[in-house]
Amino acid sequence: MFQKKVSRATRAWSALDKLLTSLRKGYMLYIYKVNRLGHHIKHSLDMVAELEFKGVGFVSLNDTIAA
């Protein structure tokens, strides 16, 4: 389990980076809300597309988005 803690001053996304590099084909990523995945909604949706390309499943628990 990874938890993202972002300081507004540093915008550190190290937990997200670690998560994304640890995902492999066949894995499934569950996330609370899709907007927690990226800096803005377009970035989040681009990341979902990248996960799908890598063969990683995706489910947002609060949104109706799954890949």
N, C-alpha and C. Protein backbone atom coordinates (compact mmCIF):
# COMPACT_ATOMS: atom_id res chain seq x y z
N MET A 1 0.84 -1.17 0.00
CA MET A 1 0.00 0.00 0.00
C MET A 1 0.89 1.23 0.00
N PHE A 2 0.54 2.19 -0.83
CA PHE A 2 1.28 3.44 -0.92
C PHE A 2 0.35 4.57 -0.52
N GLN A 3 0.89 5.54 0.16
CA GLN A 3 0.12 6.72 0.52
C GLN A 3 0.89 7.94 0.05
N LYS A 4 0.20 8.80 -0.67
CA LYS A 4 0.82 10.00 -1.19
C LYS A 4 0.69 11.12 -0.17
N LYS A 5 1.82 11.67 0.23
CA LYS A 5 1.83 12.84 1.10
C LYS A 5 2.55 13.95 0.35
N VAL A 6 1.81 14.97 -0.01
CA VAL A 6 2.36 16.03 -0.83
C VAL A 6 2.39 17.33 -0.05
N SER A 7 3.56 17.90 0.06
CA SER A 7 3.70 19.22 0.65
C SER A 7 3.38 20.23 -0.43
N ARG A 8 2.61 21.21 -0.12
CA ARG A 8 2.29 22.23 -1.13
C ARG A 8 3.54 22.96 -1.59
N ALA A 9 4.51 23.09 -0.72
CA ALA A 9 5.73 23.80 -1.07
C ALA A 9 6.61 22.98 -2.00
N THR A 10 6.74 21.70 -1.76
CA THR A 10 7.69 20.89 -2.54
C THR A 10 7.03 20.13 -3.68
N ARG A 11 5.74 19.87 -3.58
CA ARG A 11 5.04 19.06 -4.59
C ARG A 11 5.75 17.73 -4.81
N ALA A 12 6.20 17.13 -3.74
CA ALA A 12 6.93 15.86 -3.81
C ALA A 12 5.96 14.73 -4.12
N TRP A 13 6.22 14.01 -5.17
CA TRP A 13 5.36 12.91 -5.60
C TRP A 13 6.12 11.59 -5.51
N SER A 14 7.03 11.48 -4.56
CA SER A 14 7.89 10.30 -4.50
C SER A 14 7.11 9.01 -4.27
N ALA A 15 6.08 9.03 -3.44
CA ALA A 15 5.29 7.82 -3.20
C ALA A 15 4.60 7.37 -4.48
N LEU A 16 4.07 8.32 -5.25
CA LEU A 16 3.43 7.99 -6.52
C LEU A 16 4.45 7.42 -7.50
N ASP A 17 5.62 8.02 -7.57
CA ASP A 17 6.67 7.51 -8.45
C ASP A 17 7.06 6.09 -8.08
N LYS A 18 7.21 5.81 -6.79
CA LYS A 18 7.54 4.46 -6.34
C LYS A 18 6.45 3.48 -6.72
N LEU A 19 5.20 3.90 -6.54
CA LEU A 19 4.07 3.05 -6.90
C LEU A 19 4.10 2.71 -8.39
N LEU A 20 4.23 3.73 -9.21
CA LEU A 20 4.18 3.53 -10.66
C LEU A 20 5.32 2.65 -11.17
N THR A 21 6.50 2.77 -10.58
CA THR A 21 7.61 1.94 -11.02
C THR A 21 7.48 0.50 -10.52
N SER A 22 6.69 0.29 -9.47
CA SER A 22 6.54 -1.07 -8.94
C SER A 22 5.46 -1.88 -9.66
N LEU A 23 4.60 -1.21 -10.44
CA LEU A 23 3.51 -1.91 -11.11
C LEU A 23 4.02 -2.72 -12.30
N ARG A 24 3.49 -3.92 -12.43
CA ARG A 24 3.87 -4.82 -13.53
C ARG A 24 2.62 -5.28 -14.28
N LYS A 25 2.81 -5.80 -15.46
CA LYS A 25 1.71 -6.34 -16.26
C LYS A 25 0.94 -7.36 -15.43
N GLY A 26 -0.37 -7.23 -15.45
CA GLY A 26 -1.23 -8.13 -14.70
C GLY A 26 -1.60 -7.63 -13.31
N TYR A 27 -0.93 -6.58 -12.83
CA TYR A 27 -1.26 -6.00 -11.54
C TYR A 27 -2.56 -5.19 -11.67
N MET A 28 -3.18 -4.94 -10.54
CA MET A 28 -4.39 -4.12 -10.50
C MET A 28 -4.16 -2.98 -9.51
N LEU A 29 -4.39 -1.76 -9.95
CA LEU A 29 -4.24 -0.58 -9.10
C LEU A 29 -5.61 -0.09 -8.69
N TYR A 30 -5.86 -0.05 -7.39
CA TYR A 30 -7.08 0.51 -6.83
C TYR A 30 -6.71 1.85 -6.21
N ILE A 31 -7.50 2.87 -6.53
CA ILE A 31 -7.22 4.20 -6.02
C ILE A 31 -8.53 4.80 -5.52
N TYR A 32 -8.43 5.62 -4.47
CA TYR A 32 -9.62 6.20 -3.85
C TYR A 32 -10.38 7.10 -4.82
N LYS A 33 -9.71 8.06 -5.42
CA LYS A 33 -10.31 8.95 -6.41
C LYS A 33 -9.29 9.19 -7.51
N VAL A 34 -9.77 9.27 -8.74
CA VAL A 34 -8.87 9.40 -9.88
C VAL A 34 -8.07 10.71 -9.81
N ASN A 35 -8.62 11.75 -9.22
CA ASN A 35 -7.88 13.01 -9.16
C ASN A 35 -6.69 12.94 -8.21
N ARG A 36 -6.56 11.89 -7.40
CA ARG A 36 -5.42 11.71 -6.52
C ARG A 36 -4.22 11.12 -7.27
N LEU A 37 -4.43 10.70 -8.50
CA LEU A 37 -3.38 10.06 -9.28
C LEU A 37 -2.47 11.06 -9.97
N GLY A 38 -2.99 12.21 -10.35
CA GLY A 38 -2.18 13.17 -11.11
C GLY A 38 -2.34 14.58 -10.61
N HIS A 39 -1.63 15.49 -11.23
CA HIS A 39 -1.66 16.90 -10.85
C HIS A 39 -2.99 17.56 -11.22
N HIS A 40 -3.61 17.10 -12.29
CA HIS A 40 -4.91 17.60 -12.72
C HIS A 40 -5.59 16.47 -13.47
N ILE A 41 -6.84 16.61 -13.82
CA ILE A 41 -7.62 15.50 -14.38
C ILE A 41 -7.03 14.97 -15.68
N LYS A 42 -6.54 15.85 -16.56
CA LYS A 42 -5.95 15.36 -17.81
C LYS A 42 -4.72 14.51 -17.51
N HIS A 43 -3.89 14.95 -16.59
CA HIS A 43 -2.71 14.18 -16.21
C HIS A 43 -3.14 12.83 -15.64
N SER A 44 -4.17 12.82 -14.81
CA SER A 44 -4.67 11.58 -14.23
C SER A 44 -5.14 10.62 -15.32
N LEU A 45 -5.91 11.13 -16.27
CA LEU A 45 -6.43 10.27 -17.34
C LEU A 45 -5.31 9.79 -18.26
N ASP A 46 -4.30 10.61 -18.49
CA ASP A 46 -3.13 10.18 -19.26
C ASP A 46 -2.41 9.03 -18.54
N MET A 47 -2.34 9.14 -17.21
CA MET A 47 -1.68 8.08 -16.44
C MET A 47 -2.49 6.79 -16.49
N VAL A 48 -3.81 6.89 -16.47
CA VAL A 48 -4.66 5.70 -16.60
C VAL A 48 -4.42 5.04 -17.95
N ALA A 49 -4.32 5.84 -19.01
CA ALA A 49 -4.04 5.29 -20.35
C ALA A 49 -2.68 4.61 -20.38
N GLU A 50 -1.69 5.19 -19.72
CA GLU A 50 -0.36 4.59 -19.65
C GLU A 50 -0.40 3.26 -18.89
N LEU A 51 -1.16 3.21 -17.81
CA LEU A 51 -1.31 1.96 -17.06
C LEU A 51 -1.94 0.88 -17.94
N GLU A 52 -2.97 1.26 -18.67
CA GLU A 52 -3.63 0.31 -19.57
C GLU A 52 -2.64 -0.19 -20.63
N PHE A 53 -1.83 0.70 -21.18
CA PHE A 53 -0.82 0.32 -22.16
C PHE A 53 0.17 -0.69 -21.58
N LYS A 54 0.52 -0.52 -20.30
CA LYS A 54 1.46 -1.42 -19.63
C LYS A 54 0.81 -2.73 -19.19
N GLY A 55 -0.52 -2.83 -19.35
CA GLY A 55 -1.21 -4.06 -18.95
C GLY A 55 -1.57 -4.09 -17.48
N VAL A 56 -1.62 -2.90 -16.86
CA VAL A 56 -1.99 -2.78 -15.46
C VAL A 56 -3.46 -2.38 -15.38
N GLY A 57 -4.25 -3.12 -14.62
CA GLY A 57 -5.65 -2.78 -14.42
C GLY A 57 -5.78 -1.59 -13.49
N PHE A 58 -6.91 -0.90 -13.59
CA PHE A 58 -7.12 0.31 -12.80
C PHE A 58 -8.57 0.39 -12.37
N VAL A 59 -8.80 0.68 -11.09
CA VAL A 59 -10.15 0.91 -10.58
C VAL A 59 -10.11 2.09 -9.63
N SER A 60 -11.00 3.04 -9.85
CA SER A 60 -11.18 4.16 -8.93
C SER A 60 -12.38 3.82 -8.05
N LEU A 61 -12.19 3.82 -6.76
CA LEU A 61 -13.24 3.41 -5.83
C LEU A 61 -14.37 4.43 -5.72
N ASN A 62 -14.11 5.70 -5.98
CA ASN A 62 -15.13 6.74 -5.85
C ASN A 62 -15.63 7.28 -7.17
N ASP A 63 -15.00 6.92 -8.26
CA ASP A 63 -15.40 7.39 -9.59
C ASP A 63 -15.82 6.17 -10.42
N THR A 64 -16.51 6.41 -11.49
CA THR A 64 -16.93 5.31 -12.35
C THR A 64 -15.94 5.11 -13.48
N ILE A 65 -14.66 5.00 -13.10
CA ILE A 65 -13.60 4.80 -14.08
C ILE A 65 -12.88 3.49 -13.75
N ALA A 66 -12.78 2.63 -14.74
CA ALA A 66 -12.03 1.39 -14.59
C ALA A 66 -11.45 1.04 -15.94
N ALA A 67 -10.27 0.45 -15.93
CA ALA A 67 -9.62 0.06 -17.18
C ALA A 67 -9.06 -1.34 -17.02
